Amino acid sequence: MSRIRVVAILEGRVVTGPAKNLLKFAVDCRDKIDLTLVTFQRVSAGNGANSSPNQIISEALNLDIPVEVVRETSPIDFSTVSALHRILRQRKAQIVETHGTKSHFLVSLLRKSNFSWIAFHHGYTAEDLKVKLYQQFDRWSLRRCDAAVTVCEEFAVLLERRGVRRERIHIVHNAVDSNSHHLPSELAEKARRLWHVLSDERVLLAVGRLSPEKGHAYLVDAVSRIVSSSPPWKLRLVIAGSGACEVELKDQASRLGISQHVEFVGHRSEVQSLFSIADLFVLPSLSEGSPNVLLESMAAWVPIVATKVGGVPELVRDGESAILVSPADSNSLSSAIVELLTNPQLANRLAAAAFESVRLGFSPAKRNESLLSIYSQASSRGGAS
């Protein structure tokens, strides 16, 4: 049986959750699909491509995944349409999959071509007005796809409201290898020494893009409430991620007098060592889909406090495998954190249940099987308008 020829168009420069899942799927299923990755690179005014490293391209090439680079002069450069058309023709694409608002829009302009289009919807950010404006293009473009893959029921409802026919919408949760995030005790102890964690210090970990919808401001406020309580806690909040809100969050910590308790460590592609030093993982988001980092914390056997938003309740259950609280509620967040820090038996029970849940229900093998079924259906249908 010949492999399905897939061209995957992915925006961005660093390996975040969507890129990580795409690359792993391409490697795991390369006996069934022939996948080429297409990404964008901005051409500078100095007449050449921006030469700064692109982590996505590097990682794909390291995994022997073919890469095509579309060069653009601006965020709206319509010459990219012809460049994409040429690549799809050369690669004889049977399926084109898109992973962002821009790639959705560009491929929607090529619907007369003979390929099936699968649009992957990972959710929306709220970084700035320009980003919010770009996201409105989905109202026109996504209704033209042959299939839409999203990560939770809430997002499926949103896609239907935006004109995608319900029968074309597939919910496929993200996945994680349950054996890849729990470090052996000797390596965990080495990580604690590397991060200078004191024996009586409690570490909270938050991982994610520093943008408004991730809710970090409420977590910083919650930590302020905890460290100012009586008796005082020797607490450290480690925030891994980068984004537009970093300066604002640092100013907030300074204003609350807790800068010494909050450490910003930037974007991290691999977070195993961070999970190994964490007493708790906290996800304070105002909006989420099927967060990879939540699945990773489940696999790492780290107790979880998270907000009850998006697809989070589809991954963990309140009181069974995590403590879930309302979003934008610093008081509830601080109370839940203190409850798990003061009740290690409960924390361990929730972490053990979360690990079993991710091992049994959210494995890469299950995700691959679901996606391959969607690919097979799409390739047999051919392109639709």
Protein backbone atom coordinates (compact mmCIF):
# COMPACT_ATOMS: atom_id res chain seq x y z
CA MET A 1 0.00 0.00 0.00
CA SER A 2 1.47 3.36 -1.03
CA ARG A 3 1.95 6.07 1.55
CA ILE A 4 -0.41 9.05 1.65
CA ARG A 5 1.39 12.18 0.42
CA VAL A 6 0.85 14.95 2.97
CA VAL A 7 2.03 18.55 3.01
CA ALA A 8 1.76 20.15 6.45
CA ILE A 9 1.92 23.95 6.64
CA LEU A 10 3.06 25.18 10.04
CA GLU A 11 3.64 28.76 11.13
CA GLY A 12 6.09 29.78 13.84
CA ARG A 13 9.74 29.51 14.76
CA VAL A 14 9.89 27.48 17.98
CA VAL A 15 8.68 23.98 18.79
CA THR A 16 5.51 24.54 20.78
CA GLY A 17 2.74 21.99 21.36
CA PRO A 18 1.29 21.85 17.82
CA ALA A 19 4.75 21.53 16.26
CA LYS A 20 5.79 18.87 18.75
CA ASN A 21 2.68 16.79 17.99
CA LEU A 22 3.06 17.19 14.23
CA LEU A 23 6.73 16.15 14.21
CA LYS A 24 6.09 13.12 16.41
CA PHE A 25 3.16 12.02 14.23
CA ALA A 26 5.30 12.34 11.10
CA VAL A 27 8.01 10.14 12.62
CA ASP A 28 5.68 7.56 14.19
CA CYS A 29 3.63 7.11 11.00
CA ARG A 30 6.23 7.51 8.27
CA ASP A 31 5.48 4.00 7.04
CA LYS A 32 1.94 5.17 6.21
CA ILE A 33 2.39 8.84 5.29
CA ASP A 34 4.97 10.74 3.27
CA LEU A 35 4.93 14.11 5.03
CA THR A 36 6.64 17.32 3.93
CA LEU A 37 6.74 20.25 6.31
CA VAL A 38 6.22 23.75 4.89
CA THR A 39 7.03 26.80 7.00
CA PHE A 40 7.53 30.51 6.45
CA GLN A 41 10.63 32.68 6.72
CA ARG A 42 10.61 36.46 6.62
CA VAL A 43 12.88 38.15 4.07
CA SER A 44 14.60 41.16 5.59
CA ALA A 45 15.04 44.55 3.97
CA GLY A 46 18.70 43.66 3.47
CA ASN A 47 17.74 41.31 0.67
CA GLY A 48 17.92 37.95 2.27
CA ALA A 49 16.16 35.64 4.65
CA ASN A 50 16.37 36.29 8.34
CA SER A 51 19.37 34.21 9.39
CA SER A 52 18.40 33.72 13.04
CA PRO A 53 17.90 30.05 13.97
CA ASN A 54 14.50 28.48 13.30
CA GLN A 55 13.95 25.70 15.80
CA ILE A 56 11.11 24.06 13.87
CA ILE A 57 13.20 23.69 10.70
CA SER A 58 16.20 22.39 12.62
CA GLU A 59 14.16 19.83 14.53
CA ALA A 60 12.38 18.61 11.40
CA LEU A 61 15.64 18.15 9.51
CA ASN A 62 17.14 16.31 12.50
CA LEU A 63 14.22 13.89 12.25
CA ASP A 64 14.70 13.44 8.47
CA ILE A 65 11.42 15.18 7.68
CA PRO A 66 11.59 17.06 4.34
CA VAL A 67 11.19 20.83 4.72
CA GLU A 68 10.13 23.49 2.21
CA VAL A 69 10.58 27.15 3.17
CA VAL A 70 8.27 29.83 1.79
CA ARG A 71 9.91 33.23 1.95
CA GLU A 72 7.73 36.29 2.53
CA THR A 73 8.37 40.02 2.66
CA SER A 74 5.53 40.87 5.07
CA PRO A 75 2.73 39.22 7.08
CA ILE A 76 0.45 39.72 4.07
CA ASP A 77 2.50 38.74 1.01
CA PHE A 78 0.32 37.19 -1.69
CA SER A 79 3.34 35.85 -3.57
CA THR A 80 3.25 33.08 -0.96
CA VAL A 81 0.10 31.71 -2.63
CA SER A 82 1.93 30.89 -5.86
CA ALA A 83 4.90 29.55 -3.88
CA LEU A 84 2.61 27.21 -1.96
CA HIS A 85 0.84 26.14 -5.14
CA ARG A 86 4.18 25.23 -6.71
CA ILE A 87 5.21 23.16 -3.68
CA LEU A 88 1.89 21.30 -3.56
CA ARG A 89 2.16 20.49 -7.25
CA GLN A 90 5.79 19.36 -7.00
CA ARG A 91 5.05 17.20 -3.95
CA LYS A 92 1.89 15.79 -5.58
CA ALA A 93 0.03 16.42 -2.33
CA GLN A 94 -3.02 14.28 -1.68
CA ILE A 95 -3.66 15.97 1.65
CA VAL A 96 -2.74 19.48 2.76
CA GLU A 97 -3.00 20.19 6.46
CA THR A 98 -2.84 23.68 7.94
CA HIS A 99 -2.08 24.72 11.52
CA GLY A 100 -2.73 28.44 11.78
CA THR A 101 -4.90 31.33 10.66
CA LYS A 102 -2.50 32.43 7.93
CA SER A 103 -2.03 28.98 6.44
CA HIS A 104 -5.80 28.34 6.62
CA PHE A 105 -6.40 31.51 4.60
CA LEU A 106 -3.70 30.85 2.00
CA VAL A 107 -4.83 27.29 1.32
CA SER A 108 -8.45 28.41 1.10
CA LEU A 109 -7.38 30.44 -1.96
CA LEU A 110 -6.21 27.22 -3.64
CA ARG A 111 -9.40 25.17 -3.30
CA LYS A 112 -9.65 24.47 -7.03
CA SER A 113 -6.52 22.35 -6.76
CA ASN A 114 -6.83 18.58 -6.54
CA PHE A 115 -6.08 17.85 -2.88
CA SER A 116 -8.02 17.33 0.33
CA TRP A 117 -7.62 20.02 2.96
CA ILE A 118 -7.56 19.22 6.69
CA ALA A 119 -7.50 22.29 8.93
CA PHE A 120 -6.09 21.81 12.44
CA HIS A 121 -7.57 24.24 14.96
CA HIS A 122 -5.46 24.66 18.11
CA GLY A 123 -7.33 27.59 19.65
CA TYR A 124 -6.80 31.33 19.57
CA THR A 125 -4.45 33.66 21.42
CA ALA A 126 -5.14 37.18 22.64
CA GLU A 127 -1.69 38.68 22.19
CA ASP A 128 -2.76 41.94 20.54
CA LEU A 129 -5.37 43.55 18.30
CA LYS A 130 -3.53 42.53 15.11
CA VAL A 131 -3.60 38.86 16.06
CA LYS A 132 -7.29 39.06 16.97
CA LEU A 133 -7.99 40.66 13.59
CA TYR A 134 -6.12 37.94 11.68
CA GLN A 135 -8.14 35.29 13.50
CA GLN A 136 -11.33 36.65 11.98
CA PHE A 137 -10.19 35.36 8.56
CA ASP A 138 -11.09 31.87 9.83
CA ARG A 139 -14.77 32.82 9.61
CA TRP A 140 -14.38 32.77 5.82
CA SER A 141 -11.62 30.27 5.19
CA LEU A 142 -12.39 27.36 7.52
CA ARG A 143 -15.85 26.71 6.10
CA ARG A 144 -14.07 25.67 2.86
CA CYS A 145 -11.99 22.84 4.39
CA ASP A 146 -12.77 19.16 3.83
CA ALA A 147 -12.19 18.31 7.48
CA ALA A 148 -11.33 20.21 10.64
CA VAL A 149 -9.43 18.62 13.51
CA THR A 150 -9.63 20.26 16.90
CA VAL A 151 -8.74 19.25 20.43
CA CYS A 152 -11.85 19.65 22.58
CA GLU A 153 -15.64 19.91 22.48
CA GLU A 154 -15.65 23.65 23.23
CA PHE A 155 -13.51 24.33 20.15
CA ALA A 156 -15.73 22.05 18.03
CA VAL A 157 -18.73 24.20 18.97
CA LEU A 158 -16.76 27.33 18.05
CA LEU A 159 -15.86 25.90 14.63
CA GLU A 160 -19.48 25.02 13.96
CA ARG A 161 -20.46 28.61 14.80
CA ARG A 162 -17.86 29.77 12.30
CA GLY A 163 -19.50 27.84 9.50
CA VAL A 164 -17.74 24.46 9.53
CA ARG A 165 -20.27 21.66 9.06
CA ARG A 166 -20.45 19.50 12.17
CA GLU A 167 -19.94 16.27 10.25
CA ARG A 168 -16.58 17.59 9.07
CA ILE A 169 -15.32 18.34 12.61
CA HIS A 170 -13.19 15.76 14.43
CA ILE A 171 -12.08 16.00 18.06
CA VAL A 172 -8.65 14.47 18.61
CA HIS A 173 -7.05 15.17 21.96
CA ASN A 174 -3.34 15.75 22.21
CA ALA A 175 -1.17 12.92 23.52
CA VAL A 176 2.03 12.23 25.40
CA ASP A 177 4.33 9.28 25.95
CA SER A 178 3.75 8.42 29.62
CA ASN A 179 7.28 6.99 29.89
CA SER A 180 9.12 10.11 28.74
CA HIS A 181 8.59 12.71 31.47
CA HIS A 182 9.24 10.99 34.80
CA LEU A 183 12.94 11.22 35.61
CA PRO A 184 14.69 8.58 37.75
CA SER A 185 15.31 9.72 41.33
CA GLU A 186 19.04 10.29 40.82
CA LEU A 187 18.43 12.55 37.82
CA ALA A 188 15.64 14.36 39.67
CA GLU A 189 18.03 15.06 42.55
CA LYS A 190 20.63 16.31 40.10
CA ALA A 191 18.02 18.66 38.62
CA ARG A 192 17.19 20.03 42.08
CA ARG A 193 20.87 20.82 42.62
CA LEU A 194 21.11 22.39 39.17
CA TRP A 195 18.15 24.68 39.90
CA HIS A 196 19.41 25.39 43.44
CA VAL A 197 16.23 24.16 45.11
CA LEU A 198 16.53 24.28 48.89
CA SER A 199 15.46 21.26 50.94
CA ASP A 200 12.59 23.16 52.62
CA GLU A 201 11.52 25.07 49.50
CA ARG A 202 8.27 24.28 47.68
CA VAL A 203 8.26 24.77 43.90
CA LEU A 204 5.25 25.65 41.77
CA LEU A 205 5.66 25.26 38.02
CA ALA A 206 3.76 27.00 35.24
CA VAL A 207 4.60 26.43 31.57
CA GLY A 208 3.09 28.31 28.66
CA ARG A 209 3.14 31.30 26.37
CA LEU A 210 3.10 34.58 28.29
CA SER A 211 -0.05 36.05 26.79
CA PRO A 212 -3.25 37.26 28.49
CA GLU A 213 -5.37 34.16 27.93
CA LYS A 214 -2.86 32.04 29.87
CA GLY A 215 -3.85 33.77 33.13
CA HIS A 216 -0.39 34.09 34.68
CA ALA A 217 -1.38 37.37 36.36
CA TYR A 218 -3.86 35.47 38.54
CA LEU A 219 -1.19 32.94 39.49
CA VAL A 220 1.28 35.66 40.48
CA ASP A 221 -1.45 37.23 42.61
CA ALA A 222 -2.23 33.84 44.17
CA VAL A 223 1.43 33.34 45.08
CA SER A 224 1.46 36.79 46.68
CA ARG A 225 -1.49 35.76 48.86
CA ILE A 226 0.25 32.53 49.90
CA VAL A 227 3.65 34.00 50.78
CA SER A 228 2.05 36.80 52.79
CA SER A 229 -0.06 34.37 54.83
CA SER A 230 0.77 33.13 58.31
CA PRO A 231 2.83 31.06 58.75
CA PRO A 232 4.90 32.23 55.76
CA TRP A 233 5.79 29.75 53.01
CA LYS A 234 9.21 29.26 51.48
CA LEU A 235 7.79 29.15 47.99
CA ARG A 236 9.18 29.53 44.47
CA LEU A 237 7.09 29.97 41.34
CA VAL A 238 8.97 28.95 38.20
CA ILE A 239 7.37 30.29 35.00
CA ALA A 240 8.65 28.76 31.75
CA GLY A 241 7.60 30.57 28.59
CA SER A 242 8.01 33.78 26.66
CA GLY A 243 5.62 36.33 25.24
CA ALA A 244 4.18 39.80 25.26
CA CYS A 245 3.19 39.77 28.94
CA GLU A 246 6.64 39.05 30.39
CA VAL A 247 7.51 42.63 31.36
CA GLU A 248 4.04 43.21 32.77
CA LEU A 249 4.24 40.04 34.89
CA LYS A 250 7.67 40.95 36.23
CA ASP A 251 6.37 44.41 37.13
CA GLN A 252 3.41 42.80 38.89
CA ALA A 253 5.68 40.55 40.96
CA SER A 254 7.84 43.55 41.87
CA ARG A 255 4.82 45.66 42.80
CA LEU A 256 3.53 42.88 45.07
CA GLY A 257 6.96 42.51 46.67
CA ILE A 258 7.44 38.86 45.64
CA SER A 259 10.09 39.11 42.92
CA GLN A 260 12.35 36.85 44.98
CA HIS A 261 9.63 34.16 44.83
CA VAL A 262 9.01 34.29 41.05
CA GLU A 263 11.54 33.06 38.50
CA PHE A 264 11.10 33.53 34.74
CA VAL A 265 13.17 30.97 32.83
CA GLY A 266 12.07 31.67 29.24
CA HIS A 267 10.83 29.26 26.58
CA ARG A 268 11.92 25.64 27.14
CA SER A 269 11.55 22.96 24.50
CA GLU A 270 12.25 20.20 27.01
CA VAL A 271 10.72 20.53 30.45
CA GLN A 272 11.49 17.19 32.12
CA SER A 273 14.01 18.72 34.53
CA LEU A 274 11.49 21.39 35.51
CA PHE A 275 8.82 18.80 36.25
CA SER A 276 11.32 16.93 38.41
CA ILE A 277 11.79 19.93 40.72
CA ALA A 278 8.08 20.81 40.91
CA ASP A 279 5.90 20.05 43.92
CA LEU A 280 2.87 21.23 41.97
CA PHE A 281 2.03 22.11 38.39
CA VAL A 282 -0.38 25.03 38.02
CA LEU A 283 -2.34 25.87 34.86
CA PRO A 284 -4.12 29.21 35.46
CA SER A 285 -5.45 29.68 31.91
CA LEU A 286 -8.55 31.61 30.95
CA SER A 287 -8.81 29.59 27.73
CA GLU A 288 -7.35 26.21 26.75
CA GLY A 289 -7.85 23.39 24.30
CA SER A 290 -6.04 20.14 25.04
CA PRO A 291 -2.88 21.53 26.64
CA ASN A 292 0.22 19.46 25.97
CA VAL A 293 1.86 20.75 29.10
CA LEU A 294 -1.01 19.44 31.23
CA LEU A 295 -0.59 15.98 29.69
CA GLU A 296 3.16 16.23 30.30
CA SER A 297 2.61 17.07 33.96
CA MET A 298 0.28 14.05 34.24
CA ALA A 299 3.00 11.86 32.72
CA ALA A 300 5.59 13.35 35.08
CA TRP A 301 3.47 12.37 38.12
CA VAL A 302 3.24 15.98 39.34
CA PRO A 303 0.07 17.01 41.24
CA ILE A 304 -2.06 19.51 39.30
CA VAL A 305 -4.09 22.61 40.03
CA ALA A 306 -5.81 23.91 36.89
CA THR A 307 -8.67 26.11 35.79
CA LYS A 308 -11.90 24.56 34.56
CA VAL A 309 -11.74 25.88 30.98
CA GLY A 310 -11.89 24.47 27.45
CA GLY A 311 -10.77 20.87 27.19
CA VAL A 312 -9.08 20.72 30.60
CA PRO A 313 -12.02 18.83 32.21
CA GLU A 314 -11.79 16.33 29.34
CA LEU A 315 -8.24 15.47 30.46
CA VAL A 316 -8.49 15.60 34.27
CA ARG A 317 -11.41 15.34 36.69
CA ASP A 318 -11.82 17.59 39.69
CA GLY A 319 -11.09 15.72 42.92
CA GLU A 320 -10.07 12.57 41.05
CA SER A 321 -6.91 13.46 39.13
CA ALA A 322 -6.50 17.21 39.81
CA ILE A 323 -8.05 20.15 41.60
CA LEU A 324 -9.96 22.35 39.16
CA VAL A 325 -10.95 25.93 39.98
CA SER A 326 -12.82 28.72 38.23
CA PRO A 327 -10.75 30.91 35.89
CA ALA A 328 -9.73 34.47 36.85
CA ASP A 329 -10.06 33.67 40.55
CA SER A 330 -6.80 34.22 42.45
CA ASN A 331 -8.36 33.35 45.79
CA SER A 332 -9.59 29.92 44.65
CA LEU A 333 -6.24 29.30 42.96
CA SER A 334 -4.28 30.06 46.14
CA SER A 335 -6.62 27.92 48.27
CA ALA A 336 -6.22 24.93 45.94
CA ILE A 337 -2.43 25.30 45.90
CA VAL A 338 -2.28 25.43 49.71
CA GLU A 339 -4.61 22.43 49.98
CA LEU A 340 -2.24 20.23 47.95
CA LEU A 341 0.92 21.59 49.58
CA THR A 342 -0.47 20.80 53.03
CA ASN A 343 -2.00 17.44 52.12
CA PRO A 344 0.70 15.27 50.47
CA GLN A 345 -1.51 12.16 50.61
CA LEU A 346 -4.17 13.88 48.50
CA ALA A 347 -1.52 15.30 46.17
CA ASN A 348 0.01 11.86 45.60
CA ARG A 349 -3.39 10.24 45.04
CA LEU A 350 -4.36 12.80 42.41
CA ALA A 351 -0.96 12.54 40.69
CA ALA A 352 -1.18 8.73 40.55
CA ALA A 353 -4.69 8.87 39.07
CA ALA A 354 -3.59 11.47 36.51
CA PHE A 355 -0.66 9.28 35.46
CA GLU A 356 -2.93 6.27 34.92
CA SER A 357 -5.36 8.42 32.94
CA VAL A 358 -2.69 9.71 30.56
CA ARG A 359 -1.13 6.25 30.20
CA LEU A 360 -4.40 4.58 29.27
CA GLY A 361 -6.35 7.31 27.50
CA PHE A 362 -3.98 9.79 25.88
CA SER A 363 -1.20 7.76 24.29
CA PRO A 364 0.45 8.76 20.99
CA ALA A 365 -0.67 5.42 19.53
CA LYS A 366 -4.34 6.29 20.08
CA ARG A 367 -3.89 9.76 18.63
CA ASN A 368 -2.04 8.38 15.59
CA GLU A 369 -4.81 5.87 14.96
CA SER A 370 -7.47 8.60 15.04
CA LEU A 371 -5.54 10.89 12.70
CA LEU A 372 -4.72 8.12 10.22
CA SER A 373 -8.41 7.29 9.99
CA ILE A 374 -9.21 10.93 9.18
CA TYR A 375 -6.38 11.04 6.61
CA SER A 376 -7.61 7.85 4.98
CA GLN A 377 -11.16 9.17 4.67
CA ALA A 378 -9.95 12.50 3.30
CA SER A 379 -7.58 10.98 0.74
CA SER A 380 -10.27 8.63 -0.55
CA ARG A 381 -12.72 11.52 -1.05
CA GLY A 382 -10.38 13.84 -2.90
CA GLY A 383 -10.66 17.63 -2.70
CA ALA A 384 -14.00 19.27 -1.97
CA SER A 385 -15.06 22.86 -2.34
